[in-house]
Amino acid sequence: MRTPRISLEQWAAFKAVVDEGSFAKAAETLNKSQSSVSYTLSKMEELLPTPVLEQQGRKAVLTEAGEVLYRKATNLLKEAGNVESSADLLAKGWEPQVTVAADLLVDFDPLIRALAAFSNESPATRIVVLETTLSGTDEALLERRADIVLSPKVPPGFLGKPLGLVEMLPVAHPNHPLFSLKTDVTEPELRQHRQVVFRDTGIKRQQDAGWLGSEQRWTVSTGATAIKIVKRGLGFAFIPPHMIKEELDAGELKRIPLDMDARKLLPFHIILSGMENAGPACKALAMHITTQFLKESSK
């Protein structure tokens, strides 16, 4: 690979002159003498095939080529700064990658906000998000495939911090036969109809959490598929409200009124798979996740 002829110091001087509008002000910003900045820029321009600056009175103005190179130089200097920041974080023990396993039932909006906030703090840290269901979430934790786990339950041997509650709404198409009953729906009446349930992503301990023992059961892998099936009037399902807000508002899905106003509420927690050995990046991301979910639950 060819070594660049122009140094980062020269690009930084070029950017400072443009940003400040003069060599004198750029020298103050860079804590250098004006003659040093002028010399740096003159040597840089000798290496370029076309001028990037032209003098208009006492002000240095970009040429057409200079405008293009200014944008590229700005990106180059920013990336160089990111490299140095990454080196500093790695020297302090920050992990290069953090893996998060989030159960399908968890609202991903606060999680995405947390990831965005964390990326501002540590842009070089890679993030892997595993979307899991039921025992698949447990396995990601127990097998240490995830550093941070968002799960409705805390397996034995782990500690979890509660982040809120997920309500599983019983819903169906407004024309579903369940809505023709004159009274609130009982559990035995639900069992007489097809239920759509989420497939367990685990391998070792498959679970059927949420299934009521209906004679007919359709099992799907994603919430999107479950919603499509229920919207077609082909069954009912228990689905978190954050996944079907638009469908409920549009009247495409309707909440099934259960006898005695029965509700299915699932607490969910944040769990660190290696609490005692968690690195600074893992702890920082866990803090952002906790903050965002607690903000959401307080609304």
C-alpha atoms as a PDB file:
ATOM      1  CA  MET A   1       0.000   0.000   0.000  1.00  0.00           C
ATOM      2  CA  ARG A   2       1.336   3.413  -0.938  1.00  0.00           C
ATOM      3  CA  THR A   3       2.104   5.737   1.973  1.00  0.00           C
ATOM      4  CA  PRO A   4       0.110   9.012   1.711  1.00  0.00           C
ATOM      5  CA  ARG A   5       2.244  11.978   0.748  1.00  0.00           C
ATOM      6  CA  ILE A   6       0.178  14.424   2.794  1.00  0.00           C
ATOM      7  CA  SER A   7       0.184  14.003   6.567  1.00  0.00           C
ATOM      8  CA  LEU A   8      -2.750  14.274   8.962  1.00  0.00           C
ATOM      9  CA  GLU A   9      -1.063  17.351  10.424  1.00  0.00           C
ATOM     10  CA  GLN A  10      -1.225  19.039   7.037  1.00  0.00           C
ATOM     11  CA  TRP A  11      -4.884  18.135   6.521  1.00  0.00           C
ATOM     12  CA  ALA A  12      -5.631  19.402  10.046  1.00  0.00           C
ATOM     13  CA  ALA A  13      -3.939  22.720   9.264  1.00  0.00           C
ATOM     14  CA  PHE A  14      -5.880  22.975   5.998  1.00  0.00           C
ATOM     15  CA  LYS A  15      -9.169  22.343   7.800  1.00  0.00           C
ATOM     16  CA  ALA A  16      -8.344  24.842  10.545  1.00  0.00           C
ATOM     17  CA  VAL A  17      -7.577  27.581   8.027  1.00  0.00           C
ATOM     18  CA  VAL A  18     -10.900  26.948   6.273  1.00  0.00           C
ATOM     19  CA  ASP A  19     -12.894  26.747   9.509  1.00  0.00           C
ATOM     20  CA  GLU A  20     -11.338  29.850  11.043  1.00  0.00           C
ATOM     21  CA  GLY A  21     -11.155  31.867   7.827  1.00  0.00           C
ATOM     22  CA  SER A  22      -7.559  33.028   8.243  1.00  0.00           C
ATOM     23  CA  PHE A  23      -4.048  31.751   8.937  1.00  0.00           C
ATOM     24  CA  ALA A  24      -3.809  33.827  12.095  1.00  0.00           C
ATOM     25  CA  LYS A  25      -6.945  32.394  13.687  1.00  0.00           C
ATOM     26  CA  ALA A  26      -6.034  28.875  12.554  1.00  0.00           C
ATOM     27  CA  ALA A  27      -2.645  29.288  14.244  1.00  0.00           C
ATOM     28  CA  GLU A  28      -4.389  30.201  17.515  1.00  0.00           C
ATOM     29  CA  THR A  29      -6.670  27.156  17.256  1.00  0.00           C
ATOM     30  CA  LEU A  30      -3.767  24.804  16.538  1.00  0.00           C
ATOM     31  CA  ASN A  31      -1.537  26.481  19.131  1.00  0.00           C
ATOM     32  CA  LYS A  32       1.116  27.080  16.490  1.00  0.00           C
ATOM     33  CA  SER A  33       2.754  30.138  14.997  1.00  0.00           C
ATOM     34  CA  GLN A  34       1.211  31.695  11.904  1.00  0.00           C
ATOM     35  CA  SER A  35       4.422  31.115   9.976  1.00  0.00           C
ATOM     36  CA  SER A  36       4.341  27.417  10.889  1.00  0.00           C
ATOM     37  CA  VAL A  37       0.755  27.052   9.616  1.00  0.00           C
ATOM     38  CA  SER A  38       1.594  28.953   6.407  1.00  0.00           C
ATOM     39  CA  TYR A  39       4.634  26.747   5.814  1.00  0.00           C
ATOM     40  CA  THR A  40       2.606  23.553   6.424  1.00  0.00           C
ATOM     41  CA  LEU A  41      -0.070  24.632   3.938  1.00  0.00           C
ATOM     42  CA  SER A  42       2.455  25.712   1.316  1.00  0.00           C
ATOM     43  CA  LYS A  43       4.229  22.323   1.481  1.00  0.00           C
ATOM     44  CA  MET A  44       0.843  20.603   1.240  1.00  0.00           C
ATOM     45  CA  GLU A  45      -0.169  22.580  -1.831  1.00  0.00           C
ATOM     46  CA  GLU A  46       3.143  21.686  -3.478  1.00  0.00           C
ATOM     47  CA  LEU A  47       2.108  18.022  -3.213  1.00  0.00           C
ATOM     48  CA  LEU A  48      -1.387  18.576  -4.644  1.00  0.00           C
ATOM     49  CA  PRO A  49      -1.989  18.721  -8.402  1.00  0.00           C
ATOM     50  CA  THR A  50      -4.396  21.655  -8.059  1.00  0.00           C
ATOM     51  CA  PRO A  51      -4.759  24.608  -5.643  1.00  0.00           C
ATOM     52  CA  VAL A  52      -7.194  24.182  -2.749  1.00  0.00           C
ATOM     53  CA  LEU A  53      -7.078  27.715  -1.348  1.00  0.00           C
ATOM     54  CA  GLU A  54      -6.964  31.176  -2.839  1.00  0.00           C
ATOM     55  CA  GLN A  55      -6.493  34.488  -1.105  1.00  0.00           C
ATOM     56  CA  GLN A  56      -9.286  37.056  -1.259  1.00  0.00           C
ATOM     57  CA  GLY A  57      -7.906  39.993   0.665  1.00  0.00           C
ATOM     58  CA  ARG A  58      -6.875  38.653   4.056  1.00  0.00           C
ATOM     59  CA  LYS A  59      -9.219  35.683   3.855  1.00  0.00           C
ATOM     60  CA  ALA A  60      -8.353  32.191   2.557  1.00  0.00           C
ATOM     61  CA  VAL A  61     -11.180  30.841   0.394  1.00  0.00           C
ATOM     62  CA  LEU A  62     -11.684  27.337  -0.932  1.00  0.00           C
ATOM     63  CA  THR A  63     -11.338  26.649  -4.615  1.00  0.00           C
ATOM     64  CA  GLU A  64     -13.802  24.271  -6.289  1.00  0.00           C
ATOM     65  CA  ALA A  65     -11.353  21.398  -5.832  1.00  0.00           C
ATOM     66  CA  GLY A  66     -10.693  22.562  -2.309  1.00  0.00           C
ATOM     67  CA  GLU A  67     -14.361  22.177  -1.372  1.00  0.00           C
ATOM     68  CA  VAL A  68     -14.252  18.507  -2.374  1.00  0.00           C
ATOM     69  CA  LEU A  69     -10.984  17.871  -0.552  1.00  0.00           C
ATOM     70  CA  TYR A  70     -12.198  19.766   2.527  1.00  0.00           C
ATOM     71  CA  ARG A  71     -15.112  17.336   2.916  1.00  0.00           C
ATOM     72  CA  LYS A  72     -12.825  14.349   2.468  1.00  0.00           C
ATOM     73  CA  ALA A  73     -10.246  15.778   4.869  1.00  0.00           C
ATOM     74  CA  THR A  74     -12.942  16.338   7.502  1.00  0.00           C
ATOM     75  CA  ASN A  75     -13.985  12.686   7.259  1.00  0.00           C
ATOM     76  CA  LEU A  76     -10.365  11.548   7.296  1.00  0.00           C
ATOM     77  CA  LEU A  77      -9.570  13.504  10.466  1.00  0.00           C
ATOM     78  CA  LYS A  78     -12.744  12.278  12.149  1.00  0.00           C
ATOM     79  CA  GLU A  79     -11.880   8.665  11.336  1.00  0.00           C
ATOM     80  CA  ALA A  80      -8.325   9.158  12.609  1.00  0.00           C
ATOM     81  CA  GLY A  81      -9.788  10.505  15.840  1.00  0.00           C
ATOM     82  CA  ASN A  82     -12.037   7.438  16.097  1.00  0.00           C
ATOM     83  CA  VAL A  83      -9.028   5.155  15.673  1.00  0.00           C
ATOM     84  CA  GLU A  84      -7.225   6.899  18.523  1.00  0.00           C
ATOM     85  CA  SER A  85     -10.350   6.757  20.711  1.00  0.00           C
ATOM     86  CA  SER A  86     -10.690   3.042  19.991  1.00  0.00           C
ATOM     87  CA  ALA A  87      -7.072   2.496  20.971  1.00  0.00           C
ATOM     88  CA  ASP A  88      -7.655   4.359  24.237  1.00  0.00           C
ATOM     89  CA  LEU A  89     -10.780   2.298  25.019  1.00  0.00           C
ATOM     90  CA  LEU A  90      -9.055  -0.996  24.201  1.00  0.00           C
ATOM     91  CA  ALA A  91      -6.134   0.002  26.416  1.00  0.00           C
ATOM     92  CA  LYS A  92      -8.628   0.531  29.248  1.00  0.00           C
ATOM     93  CA  GLY A  93     -10.018  -2.971  28.744  1.00  0.00           C
ATOM     94  CA  TRP A  94     -13.100  -2.131  26.631  1.00  0.00           C
ATOM     95  CA  GLU A  95     -14.266  -5.190  24.733  1.00  0.00           C
ATOM     96  CA  PRO A  96     -14.241  -4.975  20.910  1.00  0.00           C
ATOM     97  CA  GLN A  97     -17.684  -6.666  20.755  1.00  0.00           C
ATOM     98  CA  VAL A  98     -20.764  -7.015  22.975  1.00  0.00           C
ATOM     99  CA  THR A  99     -23.583  -9.480  22.239  1.00  0.00           C
ATOM    100  CA  VAL A 100     -27.159  -8.836  23.380  1.00  0.00           C
ATOM    101  CA  ALA A 101     -29.859 -11.538  23.393  1.00  0.00           C
ATOM    102  CA  ALA A 102     -33.346 -10.017  23.443  1.00  0.00           C
ATOM    103  CA  ASP A 103     -36.461 -12.110  23.818  1.00  0.00           C
ATOM    104  CA  LEU A 104     -39.028 -11.643  21.050  1.00  0.00           C
ATOM    105  CA  LEU A 105     -41.530 -10.262  23.568  1.00  0.00           C
ATOM    106  CA  VAL A 106     -39.317  -7.304  24.538  1.00  0.00           C
ATOM    107  CA  ASP A 107     -40.002  -3.894  22.977  1.00  0.00           C
ATOM    108  CA  PHE A 108     -37.057  -3.225  20.662  1.00  0.00           C
ATOM    109  CA  ASP A 109     -37.558   0.557  20.463  1.00  0.00           C
ATOM    110  CA  PRO A 110     -35.923   1.314  23.861  1.00  0.00           C
ATOM    111  CA  LEU A 111     -33.188  -1.208  23.031  1.00  0.00           C
ATOM    112  CA  ILE A 112     -32.393   0.551  19.748  1.00  0.00           C
ATOM    113  CA  ARG A 113     -32.294   3.922  21.536  1.00  0.00           C
ATOM    114  CA  ALA A 114     -29.850   2.419  24.043  1.00  0.00           C
ATOM    115  CA  LEU A 115     -27.653   1.063  21.259  1.00  0.00           C
ATOM    116  CA  ALA A 116     -27.611   4.498  19.622  1.00  0.00           C
ATOM    117  CA  ALA A 117     -26.575   6.186  22.874  1.00  0.00           C
ATOM    118  CA  PHE A 118     -23.877   3.588  23.475  1.00  0.00           C
ATOM    119  CA  SER A 119     -22.511   3.955  19.935  1.00  0.00           C
ATOM    120  CA  ASN A 120     -21.921   7.652  20.586  1.00  0.00           C
ATOM    121  CA  GLU A 121     -19.827   6.665  23.596  1.00  0.00           C
ATOM    122  CA  SER A 122     -17.980   3.787  21.945  1.00  0.00           C
ATOM    123  CA  PRO A 123     -18.469   3.845  18.148  1.00  0.00           C
ATOM    124  CA  ALA A 124     -15.800   1.203  17.526  1.00  0.00           C
ATOM    125  CA  THR A 125     -17.423  -1.461  19.695  1.00  0.00           C
ATOM    126  CA  ARG A 126     -19.283  -3.978  17.520  1.00  0.00           C
ATOM    127  CA  ILE A 127     -22.784  -4.954  18.646  1.00  0.00           C
ATOM    128  CA  VAL A 128     -24.449  -8.298  17.916  1.00  0.00           C
ATOM    129  CA  VAL A 129     -28.179  -8.627  18.667  1.00  0.00           C
ATOM    130  CA  LEU A 130     -29.667 -12.126  18.964  1.00  0.00           C
ATOM    131  CA  GLU A 131     -33.453 -12.282  18.657  1.00  0.00           C
ATOM    132  CA  THR A 132     -34.534 -15.238  20.769  1.00  0.00           C
ATOM    133  CA  THR A 133     -37.695 -16.843  22.125  1.00  0.00           C
ATOM    134  CA  LEU A 134     -38.454 -18.848  25.270  1.00  0.00           C
ATOM    135  CA  SER A 135     -35.670 -21.359  26.054  1.00  0.00           C
ATOM    136  CA  GLY A 136     -33.538 -19.874  23.271  1.00  0.00           C
ATOM    137  CA  THR A 137     -33.097 -16.837  25.506  1.00  0.00           C
ATOM    138  CA  ASP A 138     -32.121 -19.069  28.435  1.00  0.00           C
ATOM    139  CA  GLU A 139     -29.602 -20.951  26.311  1.00  0.00           C
ATOM    140  CA  ALA A 140     -27.932 -17.742  25.094  1.00  0.00           C
ATOM    141  CA  LEU A 141     -27.402 -16.895  28.752  1.00  0.00           C
ATOM    142  CA  LEU A 142     -26.433 -20.313  30.088  1.00  0.00           C
ATOM    143  CA  GLU A 143     -24.047 -21.027  27.221  1.00  0.00           C
ATOM    144  CA  ARG A 144     -22.502 -17.545  27.469  1.00  0.00           C
ATOM    145  CA  ARG A 145     -23.355 -16.767  23.825  1.00  0.00           C
ATOM    146  CA  ALA A 146     -24.607 -13.368  24.957  1.00  0.00           C
ATOM    147  CA  ASP A 147     -23.071 -10.827  27.314  1.00  0.00           C
ATOM    148  CA  ILE A 148     -26.392  -9.114  28.064  1.00  0.00           C
ATOM    149  CA  VAL A 149     -29.780 -10.834  28.069  1.00  0.00           C
ATOM    150  CA  LEU A 150     -33.268  -9.323  28.139  1.00  0.00           C
ATOM    151  CA  SER A 151     -35.564 -12.081  29.344  1.00  0.00           C
ATOM    152  CA  PRO A 152     -38.971 -12.615  30.987  1.00  0.00           C
ATOM    153  CA  LYS A 153     -37.337 -14.877  33.568  1.00  0.00           C
ATOM    154  CA  VAL A 154     -34.087 -15.178  35.493  1.00  0.00           C
ATOM    155  CA  PRO A 155     -32.611 -18.710  35.474  1.00  0.00           C
ATOM    156  CA  PRO A 156     -31.213 -20.155  38.734  1.00  0.00           C
ATOM    157  CA  GLY A 157     -27.693 -18.951  39.440  1.00  0.00           C
ATOM    158  CA  PHE A 158     -28.158 -15.522  37.865  1.00  0.00           C
ATOM    159  CA  LEU A 159     -29.255 -12.118  39.095  1.00  0.00           C
ATOM    160  CA  GLY A 160     -31.465  -9.851  37.028  1.00  0.00           C
ATOM    161  CA  LYS A 161     -32.676  -6.286  37.320  1.00  0.00           C
ATOM    162  CA  PRO A 162     -36.421  -5.817  36.620  1.00  0.00           C
ATOM    163  CA  LEU A 163     -37.043  -3.436  33.734  1.00  0.00           C
ATOM    164  CA  GLY A 164     -40.823  -3.553  33.501  1.00  0.00           C
ATOM    165  CA  LEU A 165     -43.791  -5.685  32.529  1.00  0.00           C
ATOM    166  CA  VAL A 166     -44.919  -7.013  29.162  1.00  0.00           C
ATOM    167  CA  GLU A 167     -48.659  -7.571  28.825  1.00  0.00           C
ATOM    168  CA  MET A 168     -49.606 -10.328  26.426  1.00  0.00           C
ATOM    169  CA  LEU A 169     -52.846  -9.156  24.835  1.00  0.00           C
ATOM    170  CA  PRO A 170     -55.288 -11.829  23.614  1.00  0.00           C
ATOM    171  CA  VAL A 171     -56.240 -10.567  20.149  1.00  0.00           C
ATOM    172  CA  ALA A 172     -58.092 -11.723  17.049  1.00  0.00           C
ATOM    173  CA  HIS A 173     -59.654 -10.298  13.904  1.00  0.00           C
ATOM    174  CA  PRO A 174     -62.825  -8.286  14.755  1.00  0.00           C
ATOM    175  CA  ASN A 175     -64.934 -10.844  12.844  1.00  0.00           C
ATOM    176  CA  HIS A 176     -63.529 -13.828  14.757  1.00  0.00           C
ATOM    177  CA  PRO A 177     -66.250 -16.092  16.283  1.00  0.00           C
ATOM    178  CA  LEU A 178     -64.936 -15.319  19.789  1.00  0.00           C
ATOM    179  CA  PHE A 179     -66.454 -11.848  19.527  1.00  0.00           C
ATOM    180  CA  SER A 180     -69.905 -13.301  18.859  1.00  0.00           C
ATOM    181  CA  LEU A 181     -70.135 -14.597  22.436  1.00  0.00           C
ATOM    182  CA  LYS A 182     -72.467 -12.549  24.599  1.00  0.00           C
ATOM    183  CA  THR A 183     -70.235 -12.785  27.662  1.00  0.00           C
ATOM    184  CA  ASP A 184     -66.546 -12.373  28.359  1.00  0.00           C
ATOM    185  CA  VAL A 185     -64.498 -15.264  27.019  1.00  0.00           C
ATOM    186  CA  THR A 186     -63.417 -18.035  29.389  1.00  0.00           C
ATOM    187  CA  GLU A 187     -60.248 -20.108  29.053  1.00  0.00           C
ATOM    188  CA  PRO A 188     -62.160 -23.274  27.958  1.00  0.00           C
ATOM    189  CA  GLU A 189     -63.831 -21.223  25.223  1.00  0.00           C
ATOM    190  CA  LEU A 190     -60.446 -20.003  24.005  1.00  0.00           C
ATOM    191  CA  ARG A 191     -59.211 -23.594  23.777  1.00  0.00           C
ATOM    192  CA  GLN A 192     -61.900 -24.381  21.241  1.00  0.00           C
ATOM    193  CA  HIS A 193     -60.245 -22.105  18.692  1.00  0.00           C
ATOM    194  CA  ARG A 194     -56.932 -22.154  16.854  1.00  0.00           C
ATOM    195  CA  GLN A 195     -54.097 -20.450  18.731  1.00  0.00           C
ATOM    196  CA  VAL A 196     -51.044 -18.976  17.058  1.00  0.00           C
ATOM    197  CA  VAL A 197     -47.910 -19.337  19.223  1.00  0.00           C
ATOM    198  CA  PHE A 198     -44.270 -18.350  18.872  1.00  0.00           C
ATOM    199  CA  ARG A 199     -41.737 -21.044  18.087  1.00  0.00           C
ATOM    200  CA  ASP A 200     -39.116 -21.761  20.730  1.00  0.00           C
ATOM    201  CA  THR A 201     -35.658 -20.864  19.375  1.00  0.00           C
ATOM    202  CA  GLY A 202     -33.975 -23.110  21.936  1.00  0.00           C
ATOM    203  CA  ILE A 203     -32.633 -26.542  21.084  1.00  0.00           C
ATOM    204  CA  LYS A 204     -32.237 -28.346  24.393  1.00  0.00           C
ATOM    205  CA  ARG A 205     -35.337 -27.378  26.373  1.00  0.00           C
ATOM    206  CA  GLN A 206     -38.219 -26.600  24.041  1.00  0.00           C
ATOM    207  CA  GLN A 207     -41.059 -24.767  25.793  1.00  0.00           C
ATOM    208  CA  ASP A 208     -44.701 -24.060  25.029  1.00  0.00           C
ATOM    209  CA  ALA A 209     -45.147 -20.997  27.213  1.00  0.00           C
ATOM    210  CA  GLY A 210     -48.374 -19.163  26.410  1.00  0.00           C
ATOM    211  CA  TRP A 211     -50.086 -22.124  24.757  1.00  0.00           C
ATOM    212  CA  LEU A 212     -53.447 -22.874  26.320  1.00  0.00           C
ATOM    213  CA  GLY A 213     -53.703 -26.424  25.012  1.00  0.00           C
ATOM    214  CA  SER A 214     -55.955 -25.548  22.083  1.00  0.00           C
ATOM    215  CA  GLU A 215     -56.922 -28.441  19.836  1.00  0.00           C
ATOM    216  CA  GLN A 216     -55.521 -26.474  16.916  1.00  0.00           C
ATOM    217  CA  ARG A 217     -52.162 -24.747  17.140  1.00  0.00           C
ATOM    218  CA  TRP A 218     -50.086 -22.979  14.531  1.00  0.00           C
ATOM    219  CA  THR A 219     -46.474 -22.258  15.505  1.00  0.00           C
ATOM    220  CA  VAL A 220     -44.526 -19.424  13.858  1.00  0.00           C
ATOM    221  CA  SER A 221     -41.022 -18.012  14.200  1.00  0.00           C
ATOM    222  CA  THR A 222     -41.704 -14.273  14.186  1.00  0.00           C
ATOM    223  CA  GLY A 223     -44.188 -11.788  15.538  1.00  0.00           C
ATOM    224  CA  ALA A 224     -44.767 -10.412  12.044  1.00  0.00           C
ATOM    225  CA  THR A 225     -45.966 -13.803  10.815  1.00  0.00           C
ATOM    226  CA  ALA A 226     -48.246 -14.270  13.822  1.00  0.00           C
ATOM    227  CA  ILE A 227     -49.804 -10.864  13.230  1.00  0.00           C
ATOM    228  CA  LYS A 228     -50.445 -11.625   9.549  1.00  0.00           C
ATOM    229  CA  ILE A 229     -52.182 -14.903  10.417  1.00  0.00           C
ATOM    230  CA  VAL A 230     -54.362 -13.366  13.119  1.00  0.00           C
ATOM    231  CA  LYS A 231     -55.293 -10.439  10.854  1.00  0.00           C
ATOM    232  CA  ARG A 232     -56.570 -12.969   8.332  1.00  0.00           C
ATOM    233  CA  GLY A 233     -58.968 -14.315  10.961  1.00  0.00           C
ATOM    234  CA  LEU A 234     -57.220 -17.693  11.088  1.00  0.00           C
ATOM    235  CA  GLY A 235     -56.739 -17.809  14.845  1.00  0.00           C
ATOM    236  CA  PHE A 236     -56.110 -15.847  18.012  1.00  0.00           C
ATOM    237  CA  ALA A 237     -52.822 -15.082  19.743  1.00  0.00           C
ATOM    238  CA  PHE A 238     -51.299 -13.458  22.808  1.00  0.00           C
ATOM    239  CA  ILE A 239     -49.148 -10.613  21.464  1.00  0.00           C
ATOM    240  CA  PRO A 240     -47.415  -7.690  23.259  1.00  0.00           C
ATOM    241  CA  PRO A 241     -49.175  -4.354  22.556  1.00  0.00           C
ATOM    242  CA  HIS A 242     -46.006  -2.674  21.245  1.00  0.00           C
ATOM    243  CA  MET A 243     -46.005  -5.155  18.353  1.00  0.00           C
ATOM    244  CA  ILE A 244     -49.594  -4.471  17.279  1.00  0.00           C
ATOM    245  CA  LYS A 245     -50.258  -0.826  18.161  1.00  0.00           C
ATOM    246  CA  GLU A 246     -50.973   0.162  14.545  1.00  0.00           C
ATOM    247  CA  GLU A 247     -53.256  -2.837  13.978  1.00  0.00           C
ATOM    248  CA  LEU A 248     -55.232  -2.092  17.143  1.00  0.00           C
ATOM    249  CA  ASP A 249     -55.548   1.604  16.265  1.00  0.00           C
ATOM    250  CA  ALA A 250     -56.693   0.736  12.741  1.00  0.00           C
ATOM    251  CA  GLY A 251     -59.239  -1.800  13.993  1.00  0.00           C
ATOM    252  CA  GLU A 252     -57.504  -4.650  12.156  1.00  0.00           C
ATOM    253  CA  LEU A 253     -57.093  -6.502  15.450  1.00  0.00           C
ATOM    254  CA  LYS A 254     -59.241  -6.422  18.539  1.00  0.00           C
ATOM    255  CA  ARG A 255     -58.584  -7.358  22.139  1.00  0.00           C
ATOM    256  CA  ILE A 256     -60.515 -10.415  23.296  1.00  0.00           C
ATOM    257  CA  PRO A 257     -62.432  -9.613  26.522  1.00  0.00           C
ATOM    258  CA  LEU A 258     -61.460 -12.341  28.991  1.00  0.00           C
ATOM    259  CA  ASP A 259     -63.597 -13.544  31.872  1.00  0.00           C
ATOM    260  CA  MET A 260     -62.888 -11.700  35.155  1.00  0.00           C
ATOM    261  CA  ASP A 261     -60.659  -9.319  33.169  1.00  0.00           C
ATOM    262  CA  ALA A 262     -57.907 -11.963  33.258  1.00  0.00           C
ATOM    263  CA  ARG A 263     -54.498 -10.716  32.116  1.00  0.00           C
ATOM    264  CA  LYS A 264     -51.165 -12.271  31.196  1.00  0.00           C
ATOM    265  CA  LEU A 265     -48.350 -10.088  32.521  1.00  0.00           C
ATOM    266  CA  LEU A 266     -44.708 -11.074  32.136  1.00  0.00           C
ATOM    267  CA  PRO A 267     -41.939  -9.263  34.028  1.00  0.00           C
ATOM    268  CA  PHE A 268     -38.717  -8.932  32.085  1.00  0.00           C
ATOM    269  CA  HIS A 269     -35.193  -8.395  33.311  1.00  0.00           C
ATOM    270  CA  ILE A 270     -31.735  -7.413  32.195  1.00  0.00           C
ATOM    271  CA  ILE A 271     -29.156 -10.057  33.041  1.00  0.00           C
ATOM    272  CA  LEU A 272     -25.380 -10.012  32.588  1.00  0.00           C
ATOM    273  CA  SER A 273     -24.088 -13.479  31.760  1.00  0.00           C
ATOM    274  CA  GLY A 274     -20.769 -12.831  33.503  1.00  0.00           C
ATOM    275  CA  MET A 275     -21.745 -10.338  36.175  1.00  0.00           C
ATOM    276  CA  GLU A 276     -18.463 -10.610  38.102  1.00  0.00           C
ATOM    277  CA  ASN A 277     -16.325 -10.516  34.939  1.00  0.00           C
ATOM    278  CA  ALA A 278     -18.321  -8.044  32.827  1.00  0.00           C
ATOM    279  CA  GLY A 279     -16.067  -5.590  31.026  1.00  0.00           C
ATOM    280  CA  PRO A 280     -16.521  -1.820  30.846  1.00  0.00           C
ATOM    281  CA  ALA A 281     -18.217  -1.883  27.429  1.00  0.00           C
ATOM    282  CA  CYS A 282     -20.720  -4.493  28.594  1.00  0.00           C
ATOM    283  CA  LYS A 283     -21.468  -2.525  31.761  1.00  0.00           C
ATOM    284  CA  ALA A 284     -21.817   0.751  29.841  1.00  0.00           C
ATOM    285  CA  LEU A 285     -24.271  -0.779  27.350  1.00  0.00           C
ATOM    286  CA  ALA A 286     -26.220  -2.417  30.188  1.00  0.00           C
ATOM    287  CA  MET A 287     -26.536   0.996  31.852  1.00  0.00           C
ATOM    288  CA  HIS A 288     -27.873   2.574  28.644  1.00  0.00           C
ATOM    289  CA  ILE A 289     -30.370  -0.280  28.182  1.00  0.00           C
ATOM    290  CA  THR A 290     -31.573   0.004  31.777  1.00  0.00           C
ATOM    291  CA  THR A 291     -31.977   3.777  31.486  1.00  0.00           C
ATOM    292  CA  GLN A 292     -34.017   3.570  28.284  1.00  0.00           C
ATOM    293  CA  PHE A 293     -36.353   0.814  29.498  1.00  0.00           C
ATOM    294  CA  LEU A 294     -36.981   2.502  32.844  1.00  0.00           C
ATOM    295  CA  LYS A 295     -37.812   5.725  30.989  1.00  0.00           C
ATOM    296  CA  GLU A 296     -40.264   3.787  28.845  1.00  0.00           C
ATOM    297  CA  SER A 297     -41.929   2.074  31.814  1.00  0.00           C
ATOM    298  CA  SER A 298     -42.353   5.390  33.637  1.00  0.00           C
ATOM    299  CA  LYS A 299     -44.442   6.908  30.800  1.00  0.00           C
END
